[in-house]
PDB file of N, CA and C in Angstrom:
ATOM      1  N   MET A   1      17.464 -21.000 -31.795  1.00  0.00           N
ATOM      2  CA  MET A   1      16.093 -21.153 -31.369  1.00  0.00           C
ATOM      3  C   MET A   1      15.776 -20.186 -30.245  1.00  0.00           C
ATOM      4  N   ALA A   2      14.593 -19.688 -30.308  1.00  0.00           N
ATOM      5  CA  ALA A   2      14.163 -18.767 -29.257  1.00  0.00           C
ATOM      6  C   ALA A   2      13.730 -19.572 -28.041  1.00  0.00           C
ATOM      7  N   GLU A   3      14.098 -19.060 -26.911  1.00  0.00           N
ATOM      8  CA  GLU A   3      13.755 -19.753 -25.668  1.00  0.00           C
ATOM      9  C   GLU A   3      12.320 -19.389 -25.270  1.00  0.00           C
ATOM     10  N   GLU A   4      11.486 -20.401 -25.067  1.00  0.00           N
ATOM     11  CA  GLU A   4      10.088 -20.155 -24.705  1.00  0.00           C
ATOM     12  C   GLU A   4       9.972 -19.941 -23.208  1.00  0.00           C
ATOM     13  N   GLN A   5       9.193 -18.978 -22.857  1.00  0.00           N
ATOM     14  CA  GLN A   5       8.969 -18.707 -21.442  1.00  0.00           C
ATOM     15  C   GLN A   5       7.557 -19.149 -21.077  1.00  0.00           C
ATOM     16  N   MET A   6       7.471 -19.718 -19.934  1.00  0.00           N
ATOM     17  CA  MET A   6       6.186 -20.189 -19.454  1.00  0.00           C
ATOM     18  C   MET A   6       5.609 -19.150 -18.492  1.00  0.00           C
ATOM     19  N   VAL A   7       4.415 -18.725 -18.783  1.00  0.00           N
ATOM     20  CA  VAL A   7       3.769 -17.731 -17.937  1.00  0.00           C
ATOM     21  C   VAL A   7       2.759 -18.452 -17.052  1.00  0.00           C
ATOM     22  N   VAL A   8       2.937 -18.303 -15.761  1.00  0.00           N
ATOM     23  CA  VAL A   8       2.028 -18.938 -14.811  1.00  0.00           C
ATOM     24  C   VAL A   8       1.114 -17.860 -14.248  1.00  0.00           C
ATOM     25  N   THR A   9      -0.163 -18.065 -14.444  1.00  0.00           N
ATOM     26  CA  THR A   9      -1.123 -17.117 -13.881  1.00  0.00           C
ATOM     27  C   THR A   9      -1.932 -17.829 -12.806  1.00  0.00           C
ATOM     28  N   SER A  10      -2.248 -17.100 -11.791  1.00  0.00           N
ATOM     29  CA  SER A  10      -3.045 -17.707 -10.726  1.00  0.00           C
ATOM     30  C   SER A  10      -4.518 -17.414 -10.979  1.00  0.00           C
ATOM     31  N   ASN A  11      -5.340 -18.379 -10.679  1.00  0.00           N
ATOM     32  CA  ASN A  11      -6.778 -18.194 -10.820  1.00  0.00           C
ATOM     33  C   ASN A  11      -7.286 -17.359  -9.657  1.00  0.00           C
ATOM     34  N   PRO A  12      -8.225 -16.479  -9.925  1.00  0.00           N
ATOM     35  CA  PRO A  12      -8.768 -15.689  -8.812  1.00  0.00           C
ATOM     36  C   PRO A  12      -9.504 -16.593  -7.825  1.00  0.00           C
ATOM     37  N   LYS A  13      -9.378 -16.265  -6.565  1.00  0.00           N
ATOM     38  CA  LYS A  13     -10.037 -17.063  -5.539  1.00  0.00           C
ATOM     39  C   LYS A  13     -11.532 -16.798  -5.576  1.00  0.00           C
ATOM     40  N   LYS A  14     -12.298 -17.850  -5.391  1.00  0.00           N
ATOM     41  CA  LYS A  14     -13.743 -17.695  -5.368  1.00  0.00           C
ATOM     42  C   LYS A  14     -14.150 -17.124  -4.022  1.00  0.00           C
ATOM     43  N   LYS A  15     -15.022 -16.151  -4.068  1.00  0.00           N
ATOM     44  CA  LYS A  15     -15.479 -15.508  -2.842  1.00  0.00           C
ATOM     45  C   LYS A  15     -16.991 -15.612  -2.765  1.00  0.00           C
ATOM     46  N   ILE A  16     -17.487 -15.707  -1.562  1.00  0.00           N
ATOM     47  CA  ILE A  16     -18.924 -15.674  -1.347  1.00  0.00           C
ATOM     48  C   ILE A  16     -19.228 -14.384  -0.592  1.00  0.00           C
ATOM     49  N   GLY A  17     -20.196 -13.672  -1.089  1.00  0.00           N
ATOM     50  CA  GLY A  17     -20.542 -12.393  -0.483  1.00  0.00           C
ATOM     51  C   GLY A  17     -21.407 -12.570   0.758  1.00  0.00           C
ATOM     52  N   PHE A  18     -21.625 -11.473   1.443  1.00  0.00           N
ATOM     53  CA  PHE A  18     -22.420 -11.491   2.671  1.00  0.00           C
ATOM     54  C   PHE A  18     -23.850 -11.924   2.383  1.00  0.00           C
ATOM     55  N   PHE A  19     -24.458 -11.368   1.336  1.00  0.00           N
ATOM     56  CA  PHE A  19     -25.839 -11.696   0.987  1.00  0.00           C
ATOM     57  C   PHE A  19     -25.976 -13.175   0.632  1.00  0.00           C
ATOM     58  N   ALA A  20     -25.038 -13.705  -0.138  1.00  0.00           N
ATOM     59  CA  ALA A  20     -25.073 -15.119  -0.509  1.00  0.00           C
ATOM     60  C   ALA A  20     -24.905 -16.009   0.716  1.00  0.00           C
ATOM     61  N   ALA A  21     -24.060 -15.608   1.650  1.00  0.00           N
ATOM     62  CA  ALA A  21     -23.864 -16.387   2.877  1.00  0.00           C
ATOM     63  C   ALA A  21     -25.140 -16.412   3.711  1.00  0.00           C
ATOM     64  N   ILE A  22     -25.830 -15.275   3.791  1.00  0.00           N
ATOM     65  CA  ILE A  22     -27.092 -15.220   4.530  1.00  0.00           C
ATOM     66  C   ILE A  22     -28.122 -16.134   3.877  1.00  0.00           C
ATOM     67  N   LEU A  23     -28.183 -16.137   2.554  1.00  0.00           N
ATOM     68  CA  LEU A  23     -29.131 -17.006   1.855  1.00  0.00           C
ATOM     69  C   LEU A  23     -28.818 -18.483   2.069  1.00  0.00           C
ATOM     70  N   VAL A  24     -27.556 -18.835   2.150  1.00  0.00           N
ATOM     71  CA  VAL A  24     -27.179 -20.223   2.430  1.00  0.00           C
ATOM     72  C   VAL A  24     -27.660 -20.632   3.817  1.00  0.00           C
ATOM     73  N   VAL A  25     -27.482 -19.770   4.793  1.00  0.00           N
ATOM     74  CA  VAL A  25     -27.930 -20.067   6.161  1.00  0.00           C
ATOM     75  C   VAL A  25     -29.451 -20.195   6.209  1.00  0.00           C
ATOM     76  N   ILE A  26     -30.164 -19.284   5.572  1.00  0.00           N
ATOM     77  CA  ILE A  26     -31.630 -19.343   5.563  1.00  0.00           C
ATOM     78  C   ILE A  26     -32.110 -20.609   4.855  1.00  0.00           C
ATOM     79  N   GLY A  27     -31.515 -20.929   3.727  1.00  0.00           N
ATOM     80  CA  GLY A  27     -31.891 -22.136   2.995  1.00  0.00           C
ATOM     81  C   GLY A  27     -31.629 -23.404   3.785  1.00  0.00           C
ATOM     82  N   SER A  28     -30.528 -23.444   4.491  1.00  0.00           N
ATOM     83  CA  SER A  28     -30.210 -24.610   5.319  1.00  0.00           C
ATOM     84  C   SER A  28     -31.204 -24.754   6.463  1.00  0.00           C
ATOM     85  N   THR A  29     -31.576 -23.641   7.062  1.00  0.00           N
ATOM     86  CA  THR A  29     -32.533 -23.667   8.165  1.00  0.00           C
ATOM     87  C   THR A  29     -33.891 -24.169   7.689  1.00  0.00           C
ATOM     88  N   ILE A  30     -34.341 -23.680   6.560  1.00  0.00           N
ATOM     89  CA  ILE A  30     -35.622 -24.132   6.013  1.00  0.00           C
ATOM     90  C   ILE A  30     -35.535 -25.605   5.629  1.00  0.00           C
ATOM     91  N   GLY A  31     -34.445 -26.005   5.021  1.00  0.00           N
ATOM     92  CA  GLY A  31     -34.282 -27.400   4.613  1.00  0.00           C
ATOM     93  C   GLY A  31     -34.311 -28.357   5.788  1.00  0.00           C
ATOM     94  N   VAL A  32     -33.657 -28.001   6.867  1.00  0.00           N
ATOM     95  CA  VAL A  32     -33.662 -28.849   8.063  1.00  0.00           C
ATOM     96  C   VAL A  32     -35.054 -28.874   8.682  1.00  0.00           C
ATOM     97  N   GLY A  33     -35.717 -27.733   8.693  1.00  0.00           N
ATOM     98  CA  GLY A  33     -37.060 -27.648   9.265  1.00  0.00           C
ATOM     99  C   GLY A  33     -38.058 -28.535   8.552  1.00  0.00           C
ATOM    100  N   ILE A  34     -37.906 -28.683   7.258  1.00  0.00           N
ATOM    101  CA  ILE A  34     -38.816 -29.546   6.500  1.00  0.00           C
ATOM    102  C   ILE A  34     -38.706 -30.984   6.988  1.00  0.00           C
ATOM    103  N   PHE A  35     -37.506 -31.457   7.221  1.00  0.00           N
ATOM    104  CA  PHE A  35     -37.330 -32.836   7.653  1.00  0.00           C
ATOM    105  C   PHE A  35     -37.693 -33.040   9.122  1.00  0.00           C
ATOM    106  N   LEU A  36     -37.505 -32.027   9.942  1.00  0.00           N
ATOM    107  CA  LEU A  36     -37.834 -32.160  11.360  1.00  0.00           C
ATOM    108  C   LEU A  36     -39.338 -32.102  11.607  1.00  0.00           C
ATOM    109  N   ARG A  37     -40.073 -31.404  10.780  1.00  0.00           N
ATOM    110  CA  ARG A  37     -41.512 -31.223  10.982  1.00  0.00           C
ATOM    111  C   ARG A  37     -42.365 -32.230  10.220  1.00  0.00           C
ATOM    112  N   ALA A  38     -41.787 -33.124   9.472  1.00  0.00           N
ATOM    113  CA  ALA A  38     -42.566 -34.060   8.661  1.00  0.00           C
ATOM    114  C   ALA A  38     -43.488 -34.919   9.519  1.00  0.00           C
ATOM    115  N   LYS A  39     -43.000 -35.404  10.633  1.00  0.00           N
ATOM    116  CA  LYS A  39     -43.798 -36.276  11.488  1.00  0.00           C
ATOM    117  C   LYS A  39     -45.009 -35.537  12.052  1.00  0.00           C
ATOM    118  N   SER A  40     -44.806 -34.341  12.560  1.00  0.00           N
ATOM    119  CA  SER A  40     -45.926 -33.604  13.156  1.00  0.00           C
ATOM    120  C   SER A  40     -46.950 -33.191  12.102  1.00  0.00           C
ATOM    121  N   VAL A  41     -46.509 -32.877  10.903  1.00  0.00           N
ATOM    122  CA  VAL A  41     -47.453 -32.523   9.832  1.00  0.00           C
ATOM    123  C   VAL A  41     -48.303 -33.728   9.475  1.00  0.00           C
ATOM    124  N   LEU A  42     -47.690 -34.884   9.361  1.00  0.00           N
ATOM    125  CA  LEU A  42     -48.450 -36.090   9.019  1.00  0.00           C
ATOM    126  C   LEU A  42     -49.391 -36.506  10.145  1.00  0.00           C
ATOM    127  N   GLU A  43     -48.978 -36.339  11.381  1.00  0.00           N
ATOM    128  CA  GLU A  43     -49.849 -36.678  12.506  1.00  0.00           C
ATOM    129  C   GLU A  43     -51.068 -35.759  12.567  1.00  0.00           C
ATOM    130  N   ASN A  44     -50.884 -34.481  12.299  1.00  0.00           N
ATOM    131  CA  ASN A  44     -51.973 -33.512  12.391  1.00  0.00           C
ATOM    132  C   ASN A  44     -52.868 -33.474  11.159  1.00  0.00           C
ATOM    133  N   SER A  45     -52.506 -34.177  10.106  1.00  0.00           N
ATOM    134  CA  SER A  45     -53.336 -34.184   8.901  1.00  0.00           C
ATOM    135  C   SER A  45     -54.321 -35.342   8.891  1.00  0.00           C
ATOM    136  N   ALA A  46     -54.410 -36.075   9.981  1.00  0.00           N
ATOM    137  CA  ALA A  46     -55.359 -37.191  10.138  1.00  0.00           C
ATOM    138  C   ALA A  46     -55.201 -38.242   9.042  1.00  0.00           C
ATOM    139  N   GLY A  47     -53.981 -38.476   8.612  1.00  0.00           N
ATOM    140  CA  GLY A  47     -53.717 -39.528   7.639  1.00  0.00           C
ATOM    141  C   GLY A  47     -53.992 -39.138   6.197  1.00  0.00           C
ATOM    142  N   ASN A  48     -54.414 -37.926   5.952  1.00  0.00           N
ATOM    143  CA  ASN A  48     -54.705 -37.463   4.602  1.00  0.00           C
ATOM    144  C   ASN A  48     -53.415 -36.928   3.975  1.00  0.00           C
ATOM    145  N   ILE A  49     -52.874 -37.692   3.034  1.00  0.00           N
ATOM    146  CA  ILE A  49     -51.589 -37.341   2.424  1.00  0.00           C
ATOM    147  C   ILE A  49     -51.693 -36.035   1.626  1.00  0.00           C
ATOM    148  N   ALA A  50     -52.803 -35.848   0.903  1.00  0.00           N
ATOM    149  CA  ALA A  50     -52.971 -34.627   0.107  1.00  0.00           C
ATOM    150  C   ALA A  50     -52.991 -33.394   1.011  1.00  0.00           C
ATOM    151  N   LEU A  51     -53.678 -33.493   2.145  1.00  0.00           N
ATOM    152  CA  LEU A  51     -53.727 -32.381   3.090  1.00  0.00           C
ATOM    153  C   LEU A  51     -52.342 -32.117   3.682  1.00  0.00           C
ATOM    154  N   ALA A  52     -51.624 -33.181   3.993  1.00  0.00           N
ATOM    155  CA  ALA A  52     -50.282 -33.031   4.564  1.00  0.00           C
ATOM    156  C   ALA A  52     -49.349 -32.317   3.588  1.00  0.00           C
ATOM    157  N   ILE A  53     -49.425 -32.668   2.321  1.00  0.00           N
ATOM    158  CA  ILE A  53     -48.569 -32.030   1.313  1.00  0.00           C
ATOM    159  C   ILE A  53     -48.971 -30.571   1.124  1.00  0.00           C
ATOM    160  N   ALA A  54     -50.279 -30.293   1.139  1.00  0.00           N
ATOM    161  CA  ALA A  54     -50.748 -28.913   0.969  1.00  0.00           C
ATOM    162  C   ALA A  54     -50.314 -28.035   2.137  1.00  0.00           C
ATOM    163  N   VAL A  55     -50.387 -28.563   3.355  1.00  0.00           N
ATOM    164  CA  VAL A  55     -50.014 -27.797   4.541  1.00  0.00           C
ATOM    165  C   VAL A  55     -48.507 -27.624   4.613  1.00  0.00           C
ATOM    166  N   TRP A  56     -47.789 -28.639   4.236  1.00  0.00           N
ATOM    167  CA  TRP A  56     -46.342 -28.641   4.332  1.00  0.00           C
ATOM    168  C   TRP A  56     -45.795 -27.542   3.477  1.00  0.00           C
TER     169      TRP A  56
END
């Protein structure tokens, strides 16, 4: 019988590029800003939900 050899290959490591990293930071900043500014947007829209959503 022929002896079978097992070939182990390593998967390439996933890398994130500079541009993708910058986009992640920008997206996170915008995402946090949406939640931090919700109260002030609603207060300044005089209770009008449609206006608050349009301004937001």
